[in-house]
Amino acid sequence: MTGKIGILGGTFDPPHIVHLIIANEVYAQLGLEKIIFLPNKIPPHKKESGFVEADERVRMLKLATASNPHFEVDTRELSREGKSYTFDTMLEITQESPEQSFYFIIGGDMVEYLPKWYRIEELLELVTFVGVNRPTYSLNSEYPVLDVTVPEMDISSSLIREKCQKKSPIDYYVPEKVADYIKEHHFYES
């Protein structure tokens, strides 16, 4: 099968509606075959969050994406030792599916960070970067980045974790099944 596949990486701690809206907008606007959600273990640019174990984040991500037949979850980065570099993962994925074209989705915050990405020049040979707008960030880059406009919402995983700590409702910030799962397991409360 030949086609265009979107990749959306992140810690998804927890996955929320903005992740899903971004994936759906890029899927629709670029005419992609599917979007692969790629949860990572230790992203090089972030400190380890240490909030929820990887298998629980995967469970929440699967709950969040289950209703969309064009969304998949790929857990390969979670079994890798050490830091997760996009280059290593995409080299592996492109070798498995050389006939596919891959579109790696990043927010404006990561567009600005591209010059610091591990093996960025080689990575550009493997993927097309897709930049989605985020409040207060620019999509300008010295590297080629396709711009996809998505509705701007200032919702983040850290905001949801803060709301959970304060025992504030997170309804509508995350899909209902994810909210139920978070409440049931008392994630992010302390």
C-alpha atoms as a PDB file:
ATOM      1  CA  MET A   1       0.000   0.000   0.000  1.00  0.00           C
ATOM      2  CA  THR A   2       1.378   3.391  -0.941  1.00  0.00           C
ATOM      3  CA  GLY A   3       0.205   6.493   0.777  1.00  0.00           C
ATOM      4  CA  LYS A   4       0.819   9.463   2.970  1.00  0.00           C
ATOM      5  CA  ILE A   5       1.049   8.868   6.695  1.00  0.00           C
ATOM      6  CA  GLY A   6       1.099  11.441   9.468  1.00  0.00           C
ATOM      7  CA  ILE A   7       3.134  10.920  12.624  1.00  0.00           C
ATOM      8  CA  LEU A   8       2.279  12.744  15.852  1.00  0.00           C
ATOM      9  CA  GLY A   9       4.738  12.166  18.663  1.00  0.00           C
ATOM     10  CA  GLY A  10       4.555  13.259  22.255  1.00  0.00           C
ATOM     11  CA  THR A  11       4.427  12.177  25.851  1.00  0.00           C
ATOM     12  CA  PHE A  12       0.589  12.282  25.841  1.00  0.00           C
ATOM     13  CA  ASP A  13       0.618  12.726  29.616  1.00  0.00           C
ATOM     14  CA  PRO A  14      -2.397  12.861  29.249  1.00  0.00           C
ATOM     15  CA  PRO A  15      -3.685  12.897  25.657  1.00  0.00           C
ATOM     16  CA  HIS A  16      -6.233  15.678  25.171  1.00  0.00           C
ATOM     17  CA  ILE A  17      -8.604  17.168  22.621  1.00  0.00           C
ATOM     18  CA  VAL A  18      -5.991  19.431  21.034  1.00  0.00           C
ATOM     19  CA  HIS A  19      -3.871  16.370  20.130  1.00  0.00           C
ATOM     20  CA  LEU A  20      -6.938  14.853  18.449  1.00  0.00           C
ATOM     21  CA  ILE A  21      -7.953  18.068  16.675  1.00  0.00           C
ATOM     22  CA  ILE A  22      -4.402  18.589  15.360  1.00  0.00           C
ATOM     23  CA  ALA A  23      -4.275  15.001  14.086  1.00  0.00           C
ATOM     24  CA  ASN A  24      -7.686  15.270  12.459  1.00  0.00           C
ATOM     25  CA  GLU A  25      -6.970  18.647  10.818  1.00  0.00           C
ATOM     26  CA  VAL A  26      -3.629  17.472   9.375  1.00  0.00           C
ATOM     27  CA  TYR A  27      -5.237  14.200   8.254  1.00  0.00           C
ATOM     28  CA  ALA A  28      -8.002  16.073   6.418  1.00  0.00           C
ATOM     29  CA  GLN A  29      -6.025  19.026   5.037  1.00  0.00           C
ATOM     30  CA  LEU A  30      -3.171  16.914   3.640  1.00  0.00           C
ATOM     31  CA  GLY A  31      -5.347  13.998   2.507  1.00  0.00           C
ATOM     32  CA  LEU A  32      -3.440  11.466   4.585  1.00  0.00           C
ATOM     33  CA  GLU A  33      -4.147   7.751   4.773  1.00  0.00           C
ATOM     34  CA  LYS A  34      -3.797   7.689   8.561  1.00  0.00           C
ATOM     35  CA  ILE A  35      -2.180   9.304  11.577  1.00  0.00           C
ATOM     36  CA  ILE A  36       0.153   7.310  13.810  1.00  0.00           C
ATOM     37  CA  PHE A  37       0.394   8.531  17.394  1.00  0.00           C
ATOM     38  CA  LEU A  38       3.899   7.866  18.675  1.00  0.00           C
ATOM     39  CA  PRO A  39       4.151   8.078  22.475  1.00  0.00           C
ATOM     40  CA  ASN A  40       7.731   8.598  23.592  1.00  0.00           C
ATOM     41  CA  LYS A  41       9.579   7.571  26.692  1.00  0.00           C
ATOM     42  CA  ILE A  42      12.232  10.218  27.307  1.00  0.00           C
ATOM     43  CA  PRO A  43      12.045  12.989  24.724  1.00  0.00           C
ATOM     44  CA  PRO A  44      15.485  14.610  24.452  1.00  0.00           C
ATOM     45  CA  HIS A  45      14.051  18.144  24.688  1.00  0.00           C
ATOM     46  CA  LYS A  46      11.979  17.568  27.859  1.00  0.00           C
ATOM     47  CA  LYS A  47      12.647  16.450  31.358  1.00  0.00           C
ATOM     48  CA  GLU A  48      11.000  13.148  32.129  1.00  0.00           C
ATOM     49  CA  SER A  49       7.496  13.977  33.330  1.00  0.00           C
ATOM     50  CA  GLY A  50       7.368  11.077  35.769  1.00  0.00           C
ATOM     51  CA  PHE A  51       3.614  11.467  36.260  1.00  0.00           C
ATOM     52  CA  VAL A  52       2.085   8.372  34.679  1.00  0.00           C
ATOM     53  CA  GLU A  53       3.795   5.157  33.592  1.00  0.00           C
ATOM     54  CA  ALA A  54       4.196   4.582  29.863  1.00  0.00           C
ATOM     55  CA  ASP A  55       1.711   1.682  29.706  1.00  0.00           C
ATOM     56  CA  GLU A  56      -0.972   3.881  31.314  1.00  0.00           C
ATOM     57  CA  ARG A  57      -0.285   6.716  28.855  1.00  0.00           C
ATOM     58  CA  VAL A  58      -0.664   4.186  26.012  1.00  0.00           C
ATOM     59  CA  ARG A  59      -3.952   2.975  27.484  1.00  0.00           C
ATOM     60  CA  MET A  60      -5.263   6.569  27.647  1.00  0.00           C
ATOM     61  CA  LEU A  61      -4.051   7.244  24.088  1.00  0.00           C
ATOM     62  CA  LYS A  62      -5.821   4.131  22.815  1.00  0.00           C
ATOM     63  CA  LEU A  63      -9.013   5.219  24.595  1.00  0.00           C
ATOM     64  CA  ALA A  64      -8.660   8.700  23.065  1.00  0.00           C
ATOM     65  CA  THR A  65      -8.114   7.455  19.494  1.00  0.00           C
ATOM     66  CA  ALA A  66     -10.361   4.361  19.453  1.00  0.00           C
ATOM     67  CA  SER A  67     -13.322   6.024  17.740  1.00  0.00           C
ATOM     68  CA  ASN A  68     -11.301   7.129  14.687  1.00  0.00           C
ATOM     69  CA  PRO A  69     -10.428   4.326  12.226  1.00  0.00           C
ATOM     70  CA  HIS A  70      -7.674   6.533  10.722  1.00  0.00           C
ATOM     71  CA  PHE A  71      -5.793   6.860  14.022  1.00  0.00           C
ATOM     72  CA  GLU A  72      -3.256   4.274  15.239  1.00  0.00           C
ATOM     73  CA  VAL A  73      -0.918   4.047  18.228  1.00  0.00           C
ATOM     74  CA  ASP A  74       2.678   2.842  17.731  1.00  0.00           C
ATOM     75  CA  THR A  75       4.544   2.067  20.964  1.00  0.00           C
ATOM     76  CA  ARG A  76       8.006   1.276  19.552  1.00  0.00           C
ATOM     77  CA  GLU A  77       9.735   4.201  21.290  1.00  0.00           C
ATOM     78  CA  LEU A  78       8.604   2.989  24.701  1.00  0.00           C
ATOM     79  CA  SER A  79      10.592  -0.244  24.436  1.00  0.00           C
ATOM     80  CA  ARG A  80      13.792   1.479  23.324  1.00  0.00           C
ATOM     81  CA  GLU A  81      16.503   2.060  25.901  1.00  0.00           C
ATOM     82  CA  GLY A  82      17.806   5.593  26.467  1.00  0.00           C
ATOM     83  CA  LYS A  83      16.546   8.733  24.797  1.00  0.00           C
ATOM     84  CA  SER A  84      14.072   8.634  21.932  1.00  0.00           C
ATOM     85  CA  TYR A  85      15.391  10.406  18.870  1.00  0.00           C
ATOM     86  CA  THR A  86      12.974  11.081  16.036  1.00  0.00           C
ATOM     87  CA  PHE A  87      15.713  10.271  13.528  1.00  0.00           C
ATOM     88  CA  ASP A  88      16.189   6.707  14.874  1.00  0.00           C
ATOM     89  CA  THR A  89      12.453   6.039  14.977  1.00  0.00           C
ATOM     90  CA  MET A  90      11.764   7.443  11.520  1.00  0.00           C
ATOM     91  CA  LEU A  91      14.709   5.563  10.015  1.00  0.00           C
ATOM     92  CA  GLU A  92      13.163   2.353  11.356  1.00  0.00           C
ATOM     93  CA  ILE A  93       9.635   3.235  10.191  1.00  0.00           C
ATOM     94  CA  THR A  94      10.741   4.307   6.699  1.00  0.00           C
ATOM     95  CA  GLN A  95      12.776   1.113   6.283  1.00  0.00           C
ATOM     96  CA  GLU A  96       9.670  -0.926   7.184  1.00  0.00           C
ATOM     97  CA  SER A  97       7.491   1.006   4.695  1.00  0.00           C
ATOM     98  CA  PRO A  98       9.756   2.494   2.007  1.00  0.00           C
ATOM     99  CA  GLU A  99       6.820   3.074  -0.350  1.00  0.00           C
ATOM    100  CA  GLN A 100       5.077   5.440   2.092  1.00  0.00           C
ATOM    101  CA  SER A 101       5.556   9.187   2.517  1.00  0.00           C
ATOM    102  CA  PHE A 102       5.736  10.369   6.121  1.00  0.00           C
ATOM    103  CA  TYR A 103       4.552  13.708   7.485  1.00  0.00           C
ATOM    104  CA  PHE A 104       5.921  14.464  10.947  1.00  0.00           C
ATOM    105  CA  ILE A 105       3.610  16.837  12.827  1.00  0.00           C
ATOM    106  CA  ILE A 106       5.123  19.401  15.184  1.00  0.00           C
ATOM    107  CA  GLY A 107       3.811  22.441  17.028  1.00  0.00           C
ATOM    108  CA  GLY A 108       5.188  25.935  16.682  1.00  0.00           C
ATOM    109  CA  ASP A 109       7.273  25.407  19.815  1.00  0.00           C
ATOM    110  CA  MET A 110       9.125  22.536  18.090  1.00  0.00           C
ATOM    111  CA  VAL A 111       9.474  24.398  14.772  1.00  0.00           C
ATOM    112  CA  GLU A 112      11.668  26.918  16.585  1.00  0.00           C
ATOM    113  CA  TYR A 113      13.663  24.034  18.103  1.00  0.00           C
ATOM    114  CA  LEU A 114      14.350  22.221  14.759  1.00  0.00           C
ATOM    115  CA  PRO A 115      17.952  23.460  14.409  1.00  0.00           C
ATOM    116  CA  LYS A 116      18.778  21.564  17.621  1.00  0.00           C
ATOM    117  CA  TRP A 117      17.158  18.264  16.561  1.00  0.00           C
ATOM    118  CA  TYR A 118      19.423  15.223  16.415  1.00  0.00           C
ATOM    119  CA  ARG A 119      20.606  14.545  12.827  1.00  0.00           C
ATOM    120  CA  ILE A 120      18.134  17.074  11.442  1.00  0.00           C
ATOM    121  CA  GLU A 121      19.595  17.130   7.915  1.00  0.00           C
ATOM    122  CA  GLU A 122      19.240  13.356   7.558  1.00  0.00           C
ATOM    123  CA  LEU A 123      15.797  13.431   9.179  1.00  0.00           C
ATOM    124  CA  LEU A 124      14.643  15.883   6.491  1.00  0.00           C
ATOM    125  CA  GLU A 125      15.386  13.163   3.914  1.00  0.00           C
ATOM    126  CA  LEU A 126      13.014  10.785   5.734  1.00  0.00           C
ATOM    127  CA  VAL A 127      10.042  13.017   6.571  1.00  0.00           C
ATOM    128  CA  THR A 128       8.212  16.153   5.588  1.00  0.00           C
ATOM    129  CA  PHE A 129       7.701  18.333   8.648  1.00  0.00           C
ATOM    130  CA  VAL A 130       4.225  19.711   9.200  1.00  0.00           C
ATOM    131  CA  GLY A 131       4.040  22.705  11.521  1.00  0.00           C
ATOM    132  CA  VAL A 132       0.800  23.511  13.291  1.00  0.00           C
ATOM    133  CA  ASN A 133       0.220  26.906  14.823  1.00  0.00           C
ATOM    134  CA  ARG A 134       0.371  27.263  18.595  1.00  0.00           C
ATOM    135  CA  PRO A 135      -0.321  30.396  20.606  1.00  0.00           C
ATOM    136  CA  THR A 136       2.775  32.653  20.938  1.00  0.00           C
ATOM    137  CA  TYR A 137       4.982  30.578  18.571  1.00  0.00           C
ATOM    138  CA  SER A 138       6.095  31.269  15.018  1.00  0.00           C
ATOM    139  CA  LEU A 139       6.151  28.692  12.223  1.00  0.00           C
ATOM    140  CA  ASN A 140       9.104  30.417  10.553  1.00  0.00           C
ATOM    141  CA  SER A 141      12.090  28.103  10.104  1.00  0.00           C
ATOM    142  CA  GLU A 142      15.274  27.790   8.097  1.00  0.00           C
ATOM    143  CA  TYR A 143      14.030  24.257   7.334  1.00  0.00           C
ATOM    144  CA  PRO A 144      11.166  23.340   5.001  1.00  0.00           C
ATOM    145  CA  VAL A 145       7.986  23.013   7.050  1.00  0.00           C
ATOM    146  CA  LEU A 146       4.466  22.641   5.633  1.00  0.00           C
ATOM    147  CA  ASP A 147       2.078  24.926   7.516  1.00  0.00           C
ATOM    148  CA  VAL A 148      -1.291  23.547   8.570  1.00  0.00           C
ATOM    149  CA  THR A 149      -3.635  25.902  10.373  1.00  0.00           C
ATOM    150  CA  VAL A 150      -5.580  24.427  13.259  1.00  0.00           C
ATOM    151  CA  PRO A 151      -7.976  26.120  15.684  1.00  0.00           C
ATOM    152  CA  GLU A 152      -5.894  27.765  18.403  1.00  0.00           C
ATOM    153  CA  MET A 153      -6.677  26.445  21.847  1.00  0.00           C
ATOM    154  CA  ASP A 154      -4.453  27.057  24.811  1.00  0.00           C
ATOM    155  CA  ILE A 155      -4.938  23.571  26.278  1.00  0.00           C
ATOM    156  CA  SER A 156      -1.947  21.462  27.255  1.00  0.00           C
ATOM    157  CA  SER A 157      -1.219  18.280  29.165  1.00  0.00           C
ATOM    158  CA  SER A 158       0.380  20.375  31.920  1.00  0.00           C
ATOM    159  CA  LEU A 159      -2.835  22.428  32.271  1.00  0.00           C
ATOM    160  CA  ILE A 160      -4.855  19.218  32.624  1.00  0.00           C
ATOM    161  CA  ARG A 161      -2.420  17.853  35.232  1.00  0.00           C
ATOM    162  CA  GLU A 162      -2.750  21.130  37.186  1.00  0.00           C
ATOM    163  CA  LYS A 163      -6.546  20.889  37.036  1.00  0.00           C
ATOM    164  CA  CYS A 164      -6.371  17.308  38.357  1.00  0.00           C
ATOM    165  CA  GLN A 165      -4.110  18.401  41.226  1.00  0.00           C
ATOM    166  CA  LYS A 166      -6.662  21.059  42.163  1.00  0.00           C
ATOM    167  CA  LYS A 167      -9.479  18.511  41.752  1.00  0.00           C
ATOM    168  CA  SER A 168     -11.019  20.773  39.083  1.00  0.00           C
ATOM    169  CA  PRO A 169     -13.117  19.172  36.336  1.00  0.00           C
ATOM    170  CA  ILE A 170     -11.327  18.104  33.151  1.00  0.00           C
ATOM    171  CA  ASP A 171     -14.498  17.236  31.249  1.00  0.00           C
ATOM    172  CA  TYR A 172     -14.251  18.234  27.564  1.00  0.00           C
ATOM    173  CA  TYR A 173     -10.484  18.854  27.854  1.00  0.00           C
ATOM    174  CA  VAL A 174      -9.943  15.139  27.267  1.00  0.00           C
ATOM    175  CA  PRO A 175     -12.255  12.560  25.673  1.00  0.00           C
ATOM    176  CA  GLU A 176     -14.853  11.240  28.131  1.00  0.00           C
ATOM    177  CA  LYS A 177     -13.272   7.767  28.363  1.00  0.00           C
ATOM    178  CA  VAL A 178      -9.885   9.353  29.153  1.00  0.00           C
ATOM    179  CA  ALA A 179     -11.433  11.583  31.835  1.00  0.00           C
ATOM    180  CA  ASP A 180     -13.105   8.535  33.385  1.00  0.00           C
ATOM    181  CA  TYR A 181      -9.828   6.594  33.304  1.00  0.00           C
ATOM    182  CA  ILE A 182      -7.903   9.465  34.928  1.00  0.00           C
ATOM    183  CA  LYS A 183     -10.544   9.798  37.666  1.00  0.00           C
ATOM    184  CA  GLU A 184     -10.743   6.044  38.244  1.00  0.00           C
ATOM    185  CA  HIS A 185      -6.952   5.760  38.708  1.00  0.00           C
ATOM    186  CA  HIS A 186      -6.528   9.126  40.521  1.00  0.00           C
ATOM    187  CA  PHE A 187      -3.798  10.182  38.075  1.00  0.00           C
ATOM    188  CA  TYR A 188      -2.092  13.558  38.528  1.00  0.00           C
ATOM    189  CA  GLU A 189      -3.768  14.223  41.897  1.00  0.00           C
ATOM    190  CA  SER A 190      -0.586  14.677  43.910  1.00  0.00           C
END
